[in-house]
């Protein structure tokens, strides 16, 4: 085969592969869109969700993560670690009764190693006492992650993740937890580095009324995790998260020496902060501390 025909052949192959990838992405996009469509039945959504994660995983293994954008898959949250070696993809299926089931894939590429993909299995409906547990890819507290911060110590990668999930039609959840890699074949969610009242916790879990707007954000400048202090609408609803919402003040965890130390009634006032410019002097009535 001459030089010119060889070049033409390679161009044709590249064009064919590019077209095939475009068709695959289009298929994924169309399948994934149904997961949030209120006009699609739950049974069809579940079937599509199972197919979507299989096809998505295959595409990540063969093509890598860089093709996943807000344009290609707008319903998928993609978070990239600072060292570019970890990619976290999460998304959700919305059921007809207005609750959510989350899905996720974690892509990890060590230097000189083949990429590994971890499929996350949402077990939020059966997990209990999650603030004090280490969880895994098969016992994941399902949510859609919206923030990643590298808080690694030494050579061990460690990431602070913030996520949002839907427990029930009445209750939503925000989560702050740690992601680490136990070894080449497993990952761990949670680490006992949150310290409050001389006790250690593996994560922060906020549960609140589905219609409430609750803030949780890590401020990189102060190295502090700020979040809304939640109270029930009445003491009649203590410990019932369906009746909880923010009262205008904040608590926080400040990162110091690899630990996240609790700060009560934190001052989060900053006109440019996404948490807002609320007053620190808010009377706290409920619940008892």
C-alpha atoms as a PDB file:
ATOM      1  CA  UNK A   1       0.000   0.000   0.000  1.00  0.00           C
ATOM      2  CA  UNK A   2       1.435   3.372  -1.040  1.00  0.00           C
ATOM      3  CA  UNK A   3       1.943   6.302   1.263  1.00  0.00           C
ATOM      4  CA  UNK A   4      -1.099   8.299   0.105  1.00  0.00           C
ATOM      5  CA  UNK A   5      -3.566   5.343   0.252  1.00  0.00           C
ATOM      6  CA  UNK A   6      -2.279   4.554   3.761  1.00  0.00           C
ATOM      7  CA  UNK A   7      -2.965   8.110   4.899  1.00  0.00           C
ATOM      8  CA  UNK A   8      -6.429   7.992   3.354  1.00  0.00           C
ATOM      9  CA  UNK A   9      -7.122   4.701   5.099  1.00  0.00           C
ATOM     10  CA  UNK A  10      -6.072   6.121   8.459  1.00  0.00           C
ATOM     11  CA  UNK A  11      -8.224   9.197   7.918  1.00  0.00           C
ATOM     12  CA  UNK A  12     -11.205   7.003   7.116  1.00  0.00           C
ATOM     13  CA  UNK A  13     -10.623   4.931  10.256  1.00  0.00           C
ATOM     14  CA  UNK A  14     -10.381   8.080  12.402  1.00  0.00           C
ATOM     15  CA  UNK A  15     -13.555   9.451  10.837  1.00  0.00           C
ATOM     16  CA  UNK A  16     -15.352   6.163  11.464  1.00  0.00           C
ATOM     17  CA  UNK A  17     -14.275   6.055  15.113  1.00  0.00           C
ATOM     18  CA  UNK A  18     -15.221   9.688  15.690  1.00  0.00           C
ATOM     19  CA  UNK A  19     -18.641   9.100  14.169  1.00  0.00           C
ATOM     20  CA  UNK A  20     -19.137   5.972  16.289  1.00  0.00           C
ATOM     21  CA  UNK A  21     -18.245   7.866  19.456  1.00  0.00           C
ATOM     22  CA  UNK A  22     -20.626  10.693  18.529  1.00  0.00           C
ATOM     23  CA  UNK A  23     -23.430   8.158  18.069  1.00  0.00           C
ATOM     24  CA  UNK A  24     -22.605   6.519  21.424  1.00  0.00           C
ATOM     25  CA  UNK A  25     -22.667   9.846  23.249  1.00  0.00           C
ATOM     26  CA  UNK A  26     -25.967  10.743  21.582  1.00  0.00           C
ATOM     27  CA  UNK A  27     -27.418   7.404  22.709  1.00  0.00           C
ATOM     28  CA  UNK A  28     -26.205   7.946  26.271  1.00  0.00           C
ATOM     29  CA  UNK A  29     -27.630  11.468  26.295  1.00  0.00           C
ATOM     30  CA  UNK A  30     -31.053  10.335  25.100  1.00  0.00           C
ATOM     31  CA  UNK A  31     -31.183   7.418  27.534  1.00  0.00           C
ATOM     32  CA  UNK A  32     -29.990   9.507  30.467  1.00  0.00           C
ATOM     33  CA  UNK A  33     -32.490  12.308  29.880  1.00  0.00           C
ATOM     34  CA  UNK A  34     -35.352   9.941  30.637  1.00  0.00           C
ATOM     35  CA  UNK A  35     -34.147   9.452  34.223  1.00  0.00           C
ATOM     36  CA  UNK A  36     -35.468  12.880  35.219  1.00  0.00           C
ATOM     37  CA  UNK A  37     -38.484  12.982  32.889  1.00  0.00           C
ATOM     38  CA  UNK A  38     -41.758  13.063  34.849  1.00  0.00           C
ATOM     39  CA  UNK A  39     -43.580  11.657  31.822  1.00  0.00           C
ATOM     40  CA  UNK A  40     -41.566   8.412  31.859  1.00  0.00           C
ATOM     41  CA  UNK A  41     -42.689   5.561  34.123  1.00  0.00           C
ATOM     42  CA  UNK A  42     -40.481   4.373  36.967  1.00  0.00           C
ATOM     43  CA  UNK A  43     -40.120   0.911  35.425  1.00  0.00           C
ATOM     44  CA  UNK A  44     -38.779   2.352  32.160  1.00  0.00           C
ATOM     45  CA  UNK A  45     -36.497   4.737  34.072  1.00  0.00           C
ATOM     46  CA  UNK A  46     -35.048   1.832  36.031  1.00  0.00           C
ATOM     47  CA  UNK A  47     -34.411  -0.177  32.892  1.00  0.00           C
ATOM     48  CA  UNK A  48     -32.808   2.825  31.216  1.00  0.00           C
ATOM     49  CA  UNK A  49     -30.718   3.552  34.309  1.00  0.00           C
ATOM     50  CA  UNK A  50     -29.300   0.027  34.317  1.00  0.00           C
ATOM     51  CA  UNK A  51     -28.413   0.281  30.635  1.00  0.00           C
ATOM     52  CA  UNK A  52     -27.007   3.797  30.978  1.00  0.00           C
ATOM     53  CA  UNK A  53     -24.463   2.949  33.676  1.00  0.00           C
ATOM     54  CA  UNK A  54     -23.276  -0.124  31.736  1.00  0.00           C
ATOM     55  CA  UNK A  55     -22.770   1.864  28.532  1.00  0.00           C
ATOM     56  CA  UNK A  56     -21.238   4.802  30.409  1.00  0.00           C
ATOM     57  CA  UNK A  57     -18.717   2.540  32.152  1.00  0.00           C
ATOM     58  CA  UNK A  58     -17.690   0.888  28.868  1.00  0.00           C
ATOM     59  CA  UNK A  59     -17.199   4.284  27.240  1.00  0.00           C
ATOM     60  CA  UNK A  60     -15.095   5.564  30.145  1.00  0.00           C
ATOM     61  CA  UNK A  61     -12.849   2.516  29.967  1.00  0.00           C
ATOM     62  CA  UNK A  62     -12.321   2.815  26.243  1.00  0.00           C
ATOM     63  CA  UNK A  63     -12.277   6.598  25.748  1.00  0.00           C
ATOM     64  CA  UNK A  64     -11.292   8.048  29.116  1.00  0.00           C
ATOM     65  CA  UNK A  65     -13.238  10.835  30.869  1.00  0.00           C
ATOM     66  CA  UNK A  66     -12.477  13.943  28.805  1.00  0.00           C
ATOM     67  CA  UNK A  67     -15.491  13.594  26.497  1.00  0.00           C
ATOM     68  CA  UNK A  68     -17.915  14.012  29.420  1.00  0.00           C
ATOM     69  CA  UNK A  69     -19.000  17.661  29.474  1.00  0.00           C
ATOM     70  CA  UNK A  70     -22.093  19.666  30.374  1.00  0.00           C
ATOM     71  CA  UNK A  71     -22.904  19.603  26.677  1.00  0.00           C
ATOM     72  CA  UNK A  72     -22.460  15.856  26.179  1.00  0.00           C
ATOM     73  CA  UNK A  73     -24.189  14.693  29.380  1.00  0.00           C
ATOM     74  CA  UNK A  74     -25.768  17.735  31.074  1.00  0.00           C
ATOM     75  CA  UNK A  75     -27.485  15.693  33.807  1.00  0.00           C
ATOM     76  CA  UNK A  76     -24.211  14.120  35.015  1.00  0.00           C
ATOM     77  CA  UNK A  77     -22.068  15.875  37.631  1.00  0.00           C
ATOM     78  CA  UNK A  78     -18.355  15.561  36.836  1.00  0.00           C
ATOM     79  CA  UNK A  79     -15.767  16.461  39.469  1.00  0.00           C
ATOM     80  CA  UNK A  80     -12.028  16.374  38.757  1.00  0.00           C
ATOM     81  CA  UNK A  81      -9.338  16.145  41.426  1.00  0.00           C
ATOM     82  CA  UNK A  82      -6.561  18.712  41.470  1.00  0.00           C
ATOM     83  CA  UNK A  83      -3.995  16.145  40.323  1.00  0.00           C
ATOM     84  CA  UNK A  84      -6.264  15.057  37.422  1.00  0.00           C
ATOM     85  CA  UNK A  85      -5.993  11.432  38.522  1.00  0.00           C
ATOM     86  CA  UNK A  86      -9.509  11.092  39.942  1.00  0.00           C
ATOM     87  CA  UNK A  87     -12.797  11.785  38.180  1.00  0.00           C
ATOM     88  CA  UNK A  88     -16.150  11.395  39.944  1.00  0.00           C
ATOM     89  CA  UNK A  89     -19.373  11.100  37.941  1.00  0.00           C
ATOM     90  CA  UNK A  90     -22.737  11.091  39.729  1.00  0.00           C
ATOM     91  CA  UNK A  91     -26.337  11.445  38.590  1.00  0.00           C
ATOM     92  CA  UNK A  92     -29.831  10.577  39.792  1.00  0.00           C
ATOM     93  CA  UNK A  93     -33.070   8.907  38.816  1.00  0.00           C
ATOM     94  CA  UNK A  94     -36.138  10.819  39.976  1.00  0.00           C
ATOM     95  CA  UNK A  95     -39.057   8.577  40.898  1.00  0.00           C
ATOM     96  CA  UNK A  96     -42.684   9.490  40.320  1.00  0.00           C
ATOM     97  CA  UNK A  97     -43.300  10.128  44.039  1.00  0.00           C
ATOM     98  CA  UNK A  98     -40.473  12.733  44.052  1.00  0.00           C
ATOM     99  CA  UNK A  99     -37.656  10.749  45.650  1.00  0.00           C
ATOM    100  CA  UNK A 100     -34.259  10.043  44.107  1.00  0.00           C
ATOM    101  CA  UNK A 101     -31.925   7.105  43.558  1.00  0.00           C
ATOM    102  CA  UNK A 102     -28.332   8.043  42.814  1.00  0.00           C
ATOM    103  CA  UNK A 103     -25.735   6.435  40.550  1.00  0.00           C
ATOM    104  CA  UNK A 104     -22.019   6.964  40.274  1.00  0.00           C
ATOM    105  CA  UNK A 105     -18.737   5.975  38.682  1.00  0.00           C
ATOM    106  CA  UNK A 106     -15.285   6.856  40.035  1.00  0.00           C
ATOM    107  CA  UNK A 107     -12.433   6.848  37.513  1.00  0.00           C
ATOM    108  CA  UNK A 108      -8.914   6.618  38.959  1.00  0.00           C
ATOM    109  CA  UNK A 109      -5.667   6.681  36.989  1.00  0.00           C
ATOM    110  CA  UNK A 110      -2.475   6.057  38.933  1.00  0.00           C
ATOM    111  CA  UNK A 111       0.797   6.935  37.242  1.00  0.00           C
ATOM    112  CA  UNK A 112       1.963   4.167  34.891  1.00  0.00           C
ATOM    113  CA  UNK A 113      -1.132   2.123  35.809  1.00  0.00           C
ATOM    114  CA  UNK A 114      -4.242   1.328  33.822  1.00  0.00           C
ATOM    115  CA  UNK A 115      -7.333   3.329  34.730  1.00  0.00           C
ATOM    116  CA  UNK A 116      -9.682   1.753  37.260  1.00  0.00           C
ATOM    117  CA  UNK A 117     -13.420   2.373  37.432  1.00  0.00           C
ATOM    118  CA  UNK A 118     -15.499   1.873  40.581  1.00  0.00           C
ATOM    119  CA  UNK A 119     -19.266   1.565  40.205  1.00  0.00           C
ATOM    120  CA  UNK A 120     -21.174   3.019  43.167  1.00  0.00           C
ATOM    121  CA  UNK A 121     -24.236   1.260  44.580  1.00  0.00           C
ATOM    122  CA  UNK A 122     -26.731   3.546  46.355  1.00  0.00           C
ATOM    123  CA  UNK A 123     -27.782   1.953  49.663  1.00  0.00           C
ATOM    124  CA  UNK A 124     -29.117   5.113  51.296  1.00  0.00           C
ATOM    125  CA  UNK A 125     -32.568   3.592  51.834  1.00  0.00           C
ATOM    126  CA  UNK A 126     -31.227   0.893  54.176  1.00  0.00           C
ATOM    127  CA  UNK A 127     -28.173   2.519  55.785  1.00  0.00           C
ATOM    128  CA  UNK A 128     -28.457   3.649  59.406  1.00  0.00           C
ATOM    129  CA  UNK A 129     -26.217   5.768  61.650  1.00  0.00           C
ATOM    130  CA  UNK A 130     -24.127   6.790  58.663  1.00  0.00           C
ATOM    131  CA  UNK A 131     -22.271   9.590  60.468  1.00  0.00           C
ATOM    132  CA  UNK A 132     -20.064   7.024  62.218  1.00  0.00           C
ATOM    133  CA  UNK A 133     -19.508   4.446  59.464  1.00  0.00           C
ATOM    134  CA  UNK A 134     -16.951   3.771  56.786  1.00  0.00           C
ATOM    135  CA  UNK A 135     -18.769   2.985  53.541  1.00  0.00           C
ATOM    136  CA  UNK A 136     -17.658   1.433  50.283  1.00  0.00           C
ATOM    137  CA  UNK A 137     -18.617   1.341  46.613  1.00  0.00           C
ATOM    138  CA  UNK A 138     -21.232  -1.317  47.461  1.00  0.00           C
ATOM    139  CA  UNK A 139     -22.575   0.509  50.546  1.00  0.00           C
ATOM    140  CA  UNK A 140     -22.654   4.057  49.226  1.00  0.00           C
ATOM    141  CA  UNK A 141     -24.746   6.843  50.755  1.00  0.00           C
ATOM    142  CA  UNK A 142     -26.050   7.866  47.342  1.00  0.00           C
ATOM    143  CA  UNK A 143     -25.941  11.520  46.336  1.00  0.00           C
ATOM    144  CA  UNK A 144     -24.938  13.790  43.486  1.00  0.00           C
ATOM    145  CA  UNK A 145     -21.594  15.348  44.400  1.00  0.00           C
ATOM    146  CA  UNK A 146     -21.125  19.034  43.650  1.00  0.00           C
ATOM    147  CA  UNK A 147     -17.763  19.828  45.264  1.00  0.00           C
ATOM    148  CA  UNK A 148     -14.354  18.153  45.624  1.00  0.00           C
ATOM    149  CA  UNK A 149     -11.404  19.453  47.655  1.00  0.00           C
ATOM    150  CA  UNK A 150      -8.008  17.784  47.922  1.00  0.00           C
ATOM    151  CA  UNK A 151      -7.079  17.509  51.618  1.00  0.00           C
ATOM    152  CA  UNK A 152      -4.392  14.851  51.146  1.00  0.00           C
ATOM    153  CA  UNK A 153      -1.681  14.271  53.708  1.00  0.00           C
ATOM    154  CA  UNK A 154       1.621  12.959  52.395  1.00  0.00           C
ATOM    155  CA  UNK A 155       1.316  10.505  49.524  1.00  0.00           C
ATOM    156  CA  UNK A 156      -2.146   9.225  50.430  1.00  0.00           C
ATOM    157  CA  UNK A 157      -4.866  10.865  48.307  1.00  0.00           C
ATOM    158  CA  UNK A 158      -7.799  12.146  50.353  1.00  0.00           C
ATOM    159  CA  UNK A 159     -10.693  14.221  49.058  1.00  0.00           C
ATOM    160  CA  UNK A 160     -13.499  16.082  50.810  1.00  0.00           C
ATOM    161  CA  UNK A 161     -16.732  15.591  48.853  1.00  0.00           C
ATOM    162  CA  UNK A 162     -19.980  17.529  49.220  1.00  0.00           C
ATOM    163  CA  UNK A 163     -23.175  16.040  47.828  1.00  0.00           C
ATOM    164  CA  UNK A 164     -26.950  16.356  47.600  1.00  0.00           C
ATOM    165  CA  UNK A 165     -29.478  13.528  47.723  1.00  0.00           C
ATOM    166  CA  UNK A 166     -33.193  12.855  48.071  1.00  0.00           C
ATOM    167  CA  UNK A 167     -34.132  10.492  50.877  1.00  0.00           C
ATOM    168  CA  UNK A 168     -37.901  10.526  50.486  1.00  0.00           C
ATOM    169  CA  UNK A 169     -40.526  12.790  48.883  1.00  0.00           C
ATOM    170  CA  UNK A 170     -40.475  14.853  52.100  1.00  0.00           C
ATOM    171  CA  UNK A 171     -36.773  14.832  53.007  1.00  0.00           C
ATOM    172  CA  UNK A 172     -33.565  15.877  51.250  1.00  0.00           C
ATOM    173  CA  UNK A 173     -29.976  15.371  52.369  1.00  0.00           C
ATOM    174  CA  UNK A 174     -26.622  17.111  52.140  1.00  0.00           C
ATOM    175  CA  UNK A 175     -23.444  15.190  52.894  1.00  0.00           C
ATOM    176  CA  UNK A 176     -19.813  16.051  53.586  1.00  0.00           C
ATOM    177  CA  UNK A 177     -17.551  13.004  53.524  1.00  0.00           C
ATOM    178  CA  UNK A 178     -14.049  11.835  52.746  1.00  0.00           C
ATOM    179  CA  UNK A 179     -13.023   9.729  49.752  1.00  0.00           C
ATOM    180  CA  UNK A 180      -9.869   7.609  50.006  1.00  0.00           C
ATOM    181  CA  UNK A 181      -8.444   4.694  48.045  1.00  0.00           C
ATOM    182  CA  UNK A 182      -7.768   1.636  50.207  1.00  0.00           C
ATOM    183  CA  UNK A 183      -5.834  -0.142  47.489  1.00  0.00           C
ATOM    184  CA  UNK A 184      -5.876  -0.525  43.744  1.00  0.00           C
ATOM    185  CA  UNK A 185      -9.195  -2.409  43.814  1.00  0.00           C
ATOM    186  CA  UNK A 186     -11.301  -0.564  46.360  1.00  0.00           C
ATOM    187  CA  UNK A 187     -12.339   2.851  47.621  1.00  0.00           C
ATOM    188  CA  UNK A 188     -13.668   4.090  50.939  1.00  0.00           C
ATOM    189  CA  UNK A 189     -16.192   6.787  51.771  1.00  0.00           C
ATOM    190  CA  UNK A 190     -15.845   8.269  55.224  1.00  0.00           C
ATOM    191  CA  UNK A 191     -12.990   8.841  57.651  1.00  0.00           C
ATOM    192  CA  UNK A 192     -13.099   9.686  61.380  1.00  0.00           C
ATOM    193  CA  UNK A 193     -11.559  13.127  61.012  1.00  0.00           C
ATOM    194  CA  UNK A 194     -14.653  15.198  61.889  1.00  0.00           C
ATOM    195  CA  UNK A 195     -14.322  16.048  65.586  1.00  0.00           C
ATOM    196  CA  UNK A 196     -17.144  17.497  67.706  1.00  0.00           C
ATOM    197  CA  UNK A 197     -17.659  17.470  71.486  1.00  0.00           C
ATOM    198  CA  UNK A 198     -14.718  15.070  71.961  1.00  0.00           C
ATOM    199  CA  UNK A 199     -16.273  12.596  69.549  1.00  0.00           C
ATOM    200  CA  UNK A 200     -15.150  11.607  66.060  1.00  0.00           C
ATOM    201  CA  UNK A 201     -17.428  11.274  63.046  1.00  0.00           C
ATOM    202  CA  UNK A 202     -16.930   9.878  59.566  1.00  0.00           C
ATOM    203  CA  UNK A 203     -19.136  12.395  57.798  1.00  0.00           C
ATOM    204  CA  UNK A 204     -21.596  15.252  58.248  1.00  0.00           C
ATOM    205  CA  UNK A 205     -25.176  14.472  57.223  1.00  0.00           C
ATOM    206  CA  UNK A 206     -27.870  17.158  57.104  1.00  0.00           C
ATOM    207  CA  UNK A 207     -31.479  16.057  56.595  1.00  0.00           C
ATOM    208  CA  UNK A 208     -34.199  18.622  56.051  1.00  0.00           C
ATOM    209  CA  UNK A 209     -37.556  19.434  54.485  1.00  0.00           C
ATOM    210  CA  UNK A 210     -37.561  18.847  50.733  1.00  0.00           C
ATOM    211  CA  UNK A 211     -38.656  22.437  50.042  1.00  0.00           C
ATOM    212  CA  UNK A 212     -35.948  24.037  52.198  1.00  0.00           C
ATOM    213  CA  UNK A 213     -32.783  25.584  50.776  1.00  0.00           C
ATOM    214  CA  UNK A 214     -29.792  24.480  52.831  1.00  0.00           C
ATOM    215  CA  UNK A 215     -26.198  25.656  52.319  1.00  0.00           C
ATOM    216  CA  UNK A 216     -23.078  23.528  52.682  1.00  0.00           C
ATOM    217  CA  UNK A 217     -19.820  24.830  51.251  1.00  0.00           C
ATOM    218  CA  UNK A 218     -16.081  24.449  51.816  1.00  0.00           C
ATOM    219  CA  UNK A 219     -14.263  27.787  51.851  1.00  0.00           C
ATOM    220  CA  UNK A 220     -10.759  27.215  50.509  1.00  0.00           C
ATOM    221  CA  UNK A 221      -9.356  30.493  51.861  1.00  0.00           C
ATOM    222  CA  UNK A 222     -10.242  29.753  55.489  1.00  0.00           C
ATOM    223  CA  UNK A 223     -10.104  25.963  55.033  1.00  0.00           C
ATOM    224  CA  UNK A 224     -13.531  25.729  56.639  1.00  0.00           C
ATOM    225  CA  UNK A 225     -16.664  23.749  55.894  1.00  0.00           C
ATOM    226  CA  UNK A 226     -19.667  25.981  56.578  1.00  0.00           C
ATOM    227  CA  UNK A 227     -23.231  24.650  56.744  1.00  0.00           C
ATOM    228  CA  UNK A 228     -26.664  25.778  57.874  1.00  0.00           C
ATOM    229  CA  UNK A 229     -27.751  25.118  61.437  1.00  0.00           C
ATOM    230  CA  UNK A 230     -31.065  23.273  61.168  1.00  0.00           C
ATOM    231  CA  UNK A 231     -34.051  23.465  63.507  1.00  0.00           C
ATOM    232  CA  UNK A 232     -37.592  22.046  63.451  1.00  0.00           C
ATOM    233  CA  UNK A 233     -40.547  24.369  62.936  1.00  0.00           C
ATOM    234  CA  UNK A 234     -41.746  23.375  66.403  1.00  0.00           C
ATOM    235  CA  UNK A 235     -40.448  21.284  69.297  1.00  0.00           C
ATOM    236  CA  UNK A 236     -43.265  18.869  68.446  1.00  0.00           C
ATOM    237  CA  UNK A 237     -41.187  17.774  65.445  1.00  0.00           C
ATOM    238  CA  UNK A 238     -37.836  17.161  67.101  1.00  0.00           C
ATOM    239  CA  UNK A 239     -35.888  14.426  65.268  1.00  0.00           C
ATOM    240  CA  UNK A 240     -38.291  14.509  62.314  1.00  0.00           C
ATOM    241  CA  UNK A 241     -36.196  15.907  59.430  1.00  0.00           C
ATOM    242  CA  UNK A 242     -39.266  16.505  57.254  1.00  0.00           C
ATOM    243  CA  UNK A 243     -39.923  19.549  59.467  1.00  0.00           C
ATOM    244  CA  UNK A 244     -36.354  20.863  59.688  1.00  0.00           C
ATOM    245  CA  UNK A 245     -34.902  23.897  57.961  1.00  0.00           C
ATOM    246  CA  UNK A 246     -32.205  26.571  58.444  1.00  0.00           C
ATOM    247  CA  UNK A 247     -32.612  29.270  61.094  1.00  0.00           C
ATOM    248  CA  UNK A 248     -30.103  31.701  59.567  1.00  0.00           C
ATOM    249  CA  UNK A 249     -26.967  30.764  61.508  1.00  0.00           C
ATOM    250  CA  UNK A 250     -24.100  28.430  60.678  1.00  0.00           C
ATOM    251  CA  UNK A 251     -21.949  25.752  62.181  1.00  0.00           C
ATOM    252  CA  UNK A 252     -18.621  24.749  60.682  1.00  0.00           C
ATOM    253  CA  UNK A 253     -15.681  22.371  60.654  1.00  0.00           C
ATOM    254  CA  UNK A 254     -12.233  23.933  60.306  1.00  0.00           C
ATOM    255  CA  UNK A 255      -9.447  21.903  58.707  1.00  0.00           C
ATOM    256  CA  UNK A 256      -6.379  21.848  60.956  1.00  0.00           C
ATOM    257  CA  UNK A 257      -3.578  19.301  60.897  1.00  0.00           C
ATOM    258  CA  UNK A 258      -5.579  16.796  58.909  1.00  0.00           C
ATOM    259  CA  UNK A 259      -8.593  17.036  61.213  1.00  0.00           C
ATOM    260  CA  UNK A 260     -11.898  18.863  60.778  1.00  0.00           C
ATOM    261  CA  UNK A 261     -12.634  20.573  64.092  1.00  0.00           C
ATOM    262  CA  UNK A 262     -16.148  21.704  64.986  1.00  0.00           C
ATOM    263  CA  UNK A 263     -16.931  25.418  65.281  1.00  0.00           C
ATOM    264  CA  UNK A 264     -20.294  26.309  66.812  1.00  0.00           C
ATOM    265  CA  UNK A 265     -22.184  29.355  65.542  1.00  0.00           C
ATOM    266  CA  UNK A 266     -19.534  30.167  62.932  1.00  0.00           C
ATOM    267  CA  UNK A 267     -19.281  33.593  61.350  1.00  0.00           C
ATOM    268  CA  UNK A 268     -19.831  33.049  57.635  1.00  0.00           C
ATOM    269  CA  UNK A 269     -20.577  36.656  56.782  1.00  0.00           C
ATOM    270  CA  UNK A 270     -19.076  37.642  53.441  1.00  0.00           C
ATOM    271  CA  UNK A 271     -20.924  39.672  50.785  1.00  0.00           C
ATOM    272  CA  UNK A 272     -19.310  37.632  47.992  1.00  0.00           C
ATOM    273  CA  UNK A 273     -19.782  34.247  49.635  1.00  0.00           C
ATOM    274  CA  UNK A 274     -22.304  31.874  48.092  1.00  0.00           C
ATOM    275  CA  UNK A 275     -23.586  31.155  51.588  1.00  0.00           C
ATOM    276  CA  UNK A 276     -25.013  34.660  51.664  1.00  0.00           C
ATOM    277  CA  UNK A 277     -24.590  37.598  54.006  1.00  0.00           C
ATOM    278  CA  UNK A 278     -26.638  36.481  56.965  1.00  0.00           C
ATOM    279  CA  UNK A 279     -26.159  37.877  60.436  1.00  0.00           C
ATOM    280  CA  UNK A 280     -24.228  35.871  62.958  1.00  0.00           C
ATOM    281  CA  UNK A 281     -26.399  37.109  65.826  1.00  0.00           C
ATOM    282  CA  UNK A 282     -29.325  34.722  65.356  1.00  0.00           C
ATOM    283  CA  UNK A 283     -31.013  33.293  68.446  1.00  0.00           C
ATOM    284  CA  UNK A 284     -30.846  29.514  68.546  1.00  0.00           C
ATOM    285  CA  UNK A 285     -33.830  27.888  70.177  1.00  0.00           C
ATOM    286  CA  UNK A 286     -33.929  24.315  68.883  1.00  0.00           C
ATOM    287  CA  UNK A 287     -32.786  21.643  68.973  1.00  0.00           C
ATOM    288  CA  UNK A 288     -30.926  21.383  72.289  1.00  0.00           C
ATOM    289  CA  UNK A 289     -27.171  20.936  71.827  1.00  0.00           C
END
